[in-house]
Amino acid sequence: MTQKDITFVADFLTEHFNEAPELYNRKGKYFNVERVGQYLKDEDDDLVSPPNTEGNQWFNFLKDSTHLKESPLLFPYYPEKSLHFVKRQMEGIIDQCLQKPADVIGKSVHQAVCMSLYKISQSEDSTPQLFKLPFLWNDKTSNLHYILFTMLENSISKIHILRRHTDTSRSVSNGILAVEFGNFLNNSINESSDSRCYSCLDAHFYDDETVTVVLKESVQQEGKERVLAQLPLS
């Protein structure tokens, strides 16, 4: 260690661990704890060394403002408490704020349509994940909801598009369809269908008329080809 390191440690010990007579009547150690660590303790006890807020511009501003001083919009400050205590207080208030909207929204939701996508054996211990990368898009111009998703197992080369009208009482043509990529990028009609087969890695709407997809070559070899394609919905 250099002399500079030793001086740094000595200064730290002098500042944070000298005797504090004002703490003698309290349980525990009779010296100041390290001032950062006390904020991280998951306890409801008061801080041993609370911060000095004298001269703080924000507190002075609140003190001088008649409108903000008692405002319910400001989260209360607990200068004697740790961050864990403040976190629990904030979580409780947020949960309370979200409970009413959750109740109202939950009661307003109802099933518009039921569509069977796949069936699995009841004897299986665990349900396999067959539904992948659902992406939602709302076309405000045409008042349509879209959901893009893929199904694993036997249809990895297909992407499914589910379309519903925002007015649940109205229906749209081709409510659900599948687009199969397969070997559409083959250079020749004679090229083997197994040699250049593609599956969908990801898909998002680019805008109301265009879907962007990331494709990968399905062959089991190094250096699989990746393709970024933009497909018109039409």
Protein backbone atom coordinates (compact mmCIF):
# COMPACT_ATOMS: atom_id res chain seq x y z
CA MET A 1 0.00 0.00 0.00
CA THR A 2 1.16 3.51 -0.68
CA GLN A 3 1.18 6.23 1.93
CA LYS A 4 -1.75 7.81 0.08
CA ASP A 5 -3.82 4.62 0.53
CA ILE A 6 -3.03 4.49 4.26
CA THR A 7 -3.97 8.15 4.67
CA PHE A 8 -7.25 7.56 2.85
CA VAL A 9 -8.18 4.63 5.14
CA ALA A 10 -7.14 6.58 8.24
CA ASP A 11 -9.27 9.57 7.20
CA PHE A 12 -12.23 7.25 6.60
CA LEU A 13 -11.91 5.66 10.04
CA THR A 14 -11.47 9.04 11.72
CA GLU A 15 -14.57 10.47 10.06
CA HIS A 16 -16.95 7.54 10.51
CA PHE A 17 -15.79 5.62 13.58
CA ASN A 18 -14.88 8.20 16.24
CA GLU A 19 -16.78 8.13 19.47
CA ALA A 20 -20.20 9.73 19.51
CA PRO A 21 -21.27 10.54 23.11
CA GLU A 22 -24.78 11.46 21.95
CA LEU A 23 -25.32 7.81 21.00
CA TYR A 24 -24.24 6.29 24.36
CA ASN A 25 -27.84 5.86 25.53
CA ARG A 26 -28.75 3.81 22.48
CA LYS A 27 -28.30 0.12 21.94
CA GLY A 28 -25.49 -1.14 19.77
CA LYS A 29 -22.20 0.42 18.83
CA TYR A 30 -21.13 3.78 20.20
CA PHE A 31 -19.65 5.10 16.98
CA ASN A 32 -21.04 6.41 13.71
CA VAL A 33 -21.70 3.68 11.14
CA GLU A 34 -20.61 4.16 7.57
CA ARG A 35 -23.11 6.67 6.19
CA VAL A 36 -23.93 4.92 2.94
CA GLY A 37 -24.55 1.45 4.36
CA GLN A 38 -27.13 2.67 6.88
CA TYR A 39 -29.49 3.62 4.04
CA LEU A 40 -29.43 0.08 2.65
CA LYS A 41 -30.40 -1.81 5.80
CA ASP A 42 -33.82 -3.42 5.54
CA GLU A 43 -34.97 -2.13 8.92
CA ASP A 44 -37.63 0.22 10.22
CA ASP A 45 -35.32 1.73 12.84
CA ASP A 46 -34.24 5.33 12.50
CA LEU A 47 -30.90 6.08 10.85
CA VAL A 48 -27.95 6.34 13.22
CA SER A 49 -26.54 9.31 11.27
CA PRO A 50 -29.46 11.05 9.51
CA PRO A 51 -28.51 13.50 6.74
CA ASN A 52 -28.20 17.20 7.40
CA THR A 53 -30.91 18.94 5.34
CA GLU A 54 -29.97 22.43 6.41
CA GLY A 55 -29.47 24.65 3.37
CA ASN A 56 -31.08 22.11 1.00
CA GLN A 57 -32.65 24.15 -1.82
CA TRP A 58 -35.57 21.75 -2.34
CA PHE A 59 -36.58 21.76 1.32
CA ASN A 60 -36.28 25.54 1.49
CA PHE A 61 -38.43 25.82 -1.63
CA LEU A 62 -41.16 23.59 -0.14
CA LYS A 63 -41.03 25.43 3.16
CA ASP A 64 -41.60 28.78 1.44
CA SER A 65 -44.37 27.52 -0.88
CA THR A 66 -47.83 27.67 0.65
CA HIS A 67 -49.30 25.56 -2.17
CA LEU A 68 -46.76 22.74 -2.19
CA LYS A 69 -46.15 22.47 1.53
CA GLU A 70 -49.26 20.33 2.16
CA SER A 71 -49.74 19.01 -1.38
CA PRO A 72 -50.96 15.37 -1.54
CA LEU A 73 -49.13 15.03 -4.88
CA LEU A 74 -45.71 15.19 -3.24
CA PHE A 75 -44.37 11.94 -1.82
CA PRO A 76 -43.60 12.48 1.90
CA TYR A 77 -39.97 12.59 2.91
CA TYR A 78 -38.60 10.49 5.79
CA PRO A 79 -35.14 11.89 6.63
CA GLU A 80 -34.73 9.49 9.56
CA LYS A 81 -35.48 6.29 7.59
CA SER A 82 -33.55 3.98 5.24
CA LEU A 83 -34.25 3.53 1.55
CA HIS A 84 -35.86 0.13 2.23
CA PHE A 85 -38.45 1.81 4.46
CA VAL A 86 -39.16 4.47 1.82
CA LYS A 87 -39.42 1.78 -0.88
CA ARG A 88 -42.05 -0.15 1.09
CA GLN A 89 -44.02 3.05 1.71
CA MET A 90 -43.96 3.94 -1.99
CA GLU A 91 -44.95 0.42 -3.09
CA GLY A 92 -47.96 0.55 -0.75
CA ILE A 93 -49.12 3.88 -2.17
CA ILE A 94 -48.64 2.71 -5.78
CA ASP A 95 -50.61 -0.49 -5.10
CA GLN A 96 -53.40 1.58 -3.59
CA CYS A 97 -53.46 3.88 -6.66
CA LEU A 98 -53.62 0.97 -9.10
CA GLN A 99 -56.25 -1.09 -7.29
CA LYS A 100 -59.30 0.96 -8.35
CA PRO A 101 -58.38 1.13 -12.08
CA ALA A 102 -57.63 -2.60 -12.00
CA ASP A 103 -61.10 -3.33 -10.60
CA VAL A 104 -62.85 -1.08 -13.13
CA ILE A 105 -60.88 -2.35 -16.13
CA GLY A 106 -61.23 -5.96 -15.02
CA LYS A 107 -65.02 -5.72 -14.83
CA SER A 108 -65.21 -4.10 -18.28
CA VAL A 109 -63.24 -6.85 -20.07
CA HIS A 110 -65.21 -9.64 -21.73
CA GLN A 111 -64.45 -12.40 -24.22
CA ALA A 112 -65.20 -11.41 -27.83
CA VAL A 113 -64.19 -14.62 -29.59
CA CYS A 114 -62.69 -18.02 -28.75
CA MET A 115 -60.35 -19.68 -31.25
CA SER A 116 -58.64 -23.06 -30.82
CA LEU A 117 -54.99 -22.86 -31.90
CA TYR A 118 -53.71 -26.33 -30.97
CA LYS A 119 -54.43 -29.43 -28.87
CA ILE A 120 -52.08 -31.30 -26.58
CA SER A 121 -52.26 -34.65 -24.88
CA GLN A 122 -53.82 -34.56 -21.42
CA SER A 123 -51.34 -37.18 -20.22
CA GLU A 124 -48.32 -34.92 -20.61
CA ASP A 125 -46.75 -33.81 -17.34
CA SER A 126 -45.74 -30.36 -18.55
CA THR A 127 -47.38 -28.26 -21.25
CA PRO A 128 -44.93 -27.48 -24.06
CA GLN A 129 -44.50 -23.88 -25.22
CA LEU A 130 -46.10 -23.79 -28.65
CA PHE A 131 -47.03 -20.10 -28.78
CA LYS A 132 -44.15 -17.70 -29.45
CA LEU A 133 -43.34 -13.99 -29.91
CA PRO A 134 -46.83 -12.44 -29.83
CA PHE A 135 -46.64 -8.84 -31.06
CA LEU A 136 -49.63 -6.49 -30.94
CA TRP A 137 -50.37 -3.64 -33.32
CA ASN A 138 -53.29 -1.23 -33.49
CA ASP A 139 -54.19 0.29 -36.85
CA LYS A 140 -56.05 3.45 -35.77
CA THR A 141 -56.87 4.40 -39.38
CA SER A 142 -58.81 1.20 -40.06
CA ASN A 143 -59.77 0.49 -36.42
CA LEU A 144 -58.13 -2.93 -36.50
CA HIS A 145 -56.16 -4.91 -33.95
CA TYR A 146 -53.39 -7.22 -35.18
CA ILE A 147 -51.50 -9.97 -33.37
CA LEU A 148 -48.42 -11.57 -34.91
CA PHE A 149 -47.27 -14.92 -33.52
CA THR A 150 -45.59 -18.17 -34.48
CA MET A 151 -46.39 -21.75 -33.52
CA LEU A 152 -43.51 -24.09 -32.76
CA GLU A 153 -43.26 -27.80 -33.47
CA ASN A 154 -44.45 -28.45 -37.06
CA SER A 155 -44.99 -24.86 -38.24
CA ILE A 156 -41.74 -23.02 -37.50
CA SER A 157 -41.64 -21.69 -41.07
CA LYS A 158 -45.02 -19.96 -40.68
CA ILE A 159 -46.03 -16.68 -39.11
CA HIS A 160 -49.66 -16.22 -38.09
CA ILE A 161 -51.58 -12.95 -38.31
CA LEU A 162 -54.75 -12.53 -36.26
CA ARG A 163 -56.91 -9.53 -37.15
CA ARG A 164 -59.90 -8.20 -35.21
CA HIS A 165 -62.00 -5.06 -35.44
CA THR A 166 -61.80 -2.72 -32.43
CA ASP A 167 -65.61 -2.78 -32.41
CA THR A 168 -66.19 -6.32 -31.14
CA SER A 169 -69.64 -6.44 -32.76
CA ARG A 170 -68.08 -6.19 -36.23
CA SER A 171 -66.12 -8.90 -38.02
CA VAL A 172 -63.37 -8.68 -40.66
CA SER A 173 -62.52 -10.97 -43.54
CA ASN A 174 -59.58 -13.36 -43.09
CA GLY A 175 -59.68 -12.99 -39.31
CA ILE A 176 -56.61 -15.27 -39.04
CA LEU A 177 -54.17 -16.44 -41.66
CA ALA A 178 -50.68 -17.91 -41.88
CA VAL A 179 -47.78 -16.88 -44.11
CA GLU A 180 -45.29 -19.65 -44.88
CA PHE A 181 -41.73 -18.66 -45.79
CA GLY A 182 -40.28 -22.10 -46.42
CA ASN A 183 -37.91 -22.00 -49.41
CA PHE A 184 -39.25 -18.86 -51.10
CA LEU A 185 -35.71 -17.46 -51.35
CA ASN A 186 -34.42 -20.34 -53.48
CA ASN A 187 -32.65 -19.20 -56.60
CA SER A 188 -33.99 -21.99 -58.75
CA ILE A 189 -37.21 -23.96 -58.97
CA ASN A 190 -35.05 -27.08 -59.14
CA GLU A 191 -33.21 -26.31 -55.91
CA SER A 192 -33.92 -28.76 -53.11
CA SER A 193 -36.62 -27.52 -50.75
CA ASP A 194 -34.62 -28.78 -47.78
CA SER A 195 -31.46 -26.87 -48.68
CA ARG A 196 -32.80 -23.32 -48.21
CA CYS A 197 -35.69 -23.54 -45.77
CA TYR A 198 -36.29 -20.53 -43.48
CA SER A 199 -37.99 -20.08 -40.14
CA CYS A 200 -39.08 -16.87 -38.41
CA LEU A 201 -36.90 -15.56 -35.55
CA ASP A 202 -38.90 -12.40 -34.89
CA ALA A 203 -41.65 -10.27 -36.44
CA HIS A 204 -42.97 -6.77 -35.78
CA PHE A 205 -45.21 -4.32 -37.56
CA TYR A 206 -43.16 -1.62 -39.29
CA ASP A 207 -46.24 0.50 -40.00
CA ASP A 208 -49.93 -0.05 -40.76
CA GLU A 209 -49.17 -1.65 -44.15
CA THR A 210 -45.84 -3.42 -43.56
CA VAL A 211 -44.53 -6.28 -41.43
CA THR A 212 -40.80 -6.68 -40.74
CA VAL A 213 -39.54 -10.23 -40.15
CA VAL A 214 -36.15 -11.73 -39.25
CA LEU A 215 -35.63 -15.13 -40.87
CA LYS A 216 -32.94 -17.74 -40.35
CA GLU A 217 -31.87 -20.73 -42.37
CA SER A 218 -33.17 -23.94 -40.80
CA VAL A 219 -30.29 -26.22 -41.81
CA GLN A 220 -28.09 -27.46 -38.96
CA GLN A 221 -24.73 -25.95 -39.88
CA GLU A 222 -22.40 -23.12 -38.97
CA GLY A 223 -22.95 -19.69 -40.49
CA LYS A 224 -26.69 -19.90 -40.88
CA GLU A 225 -27.99 -17.17 -43.13
CA ARG A 226 -30.12 -14.39 -41.62
CA VAL A 227 -32.56 -12.39 -43.70
CA LEU A 228 -34.34 -9.14 -42.81
CA ALA A 229 -37.48 -8.85 -44.92
CA GLN A 230 -40.32 -6.36 -45.11
CA LEU A 231 -43.61 -7.79 -46.28
CA PRO A 232 -46.66 -5.76 -47.33
CA LEU A 233 -49.85 -6.85 -45.57
CA SER A 234 -51.66 -6.82 -48.88
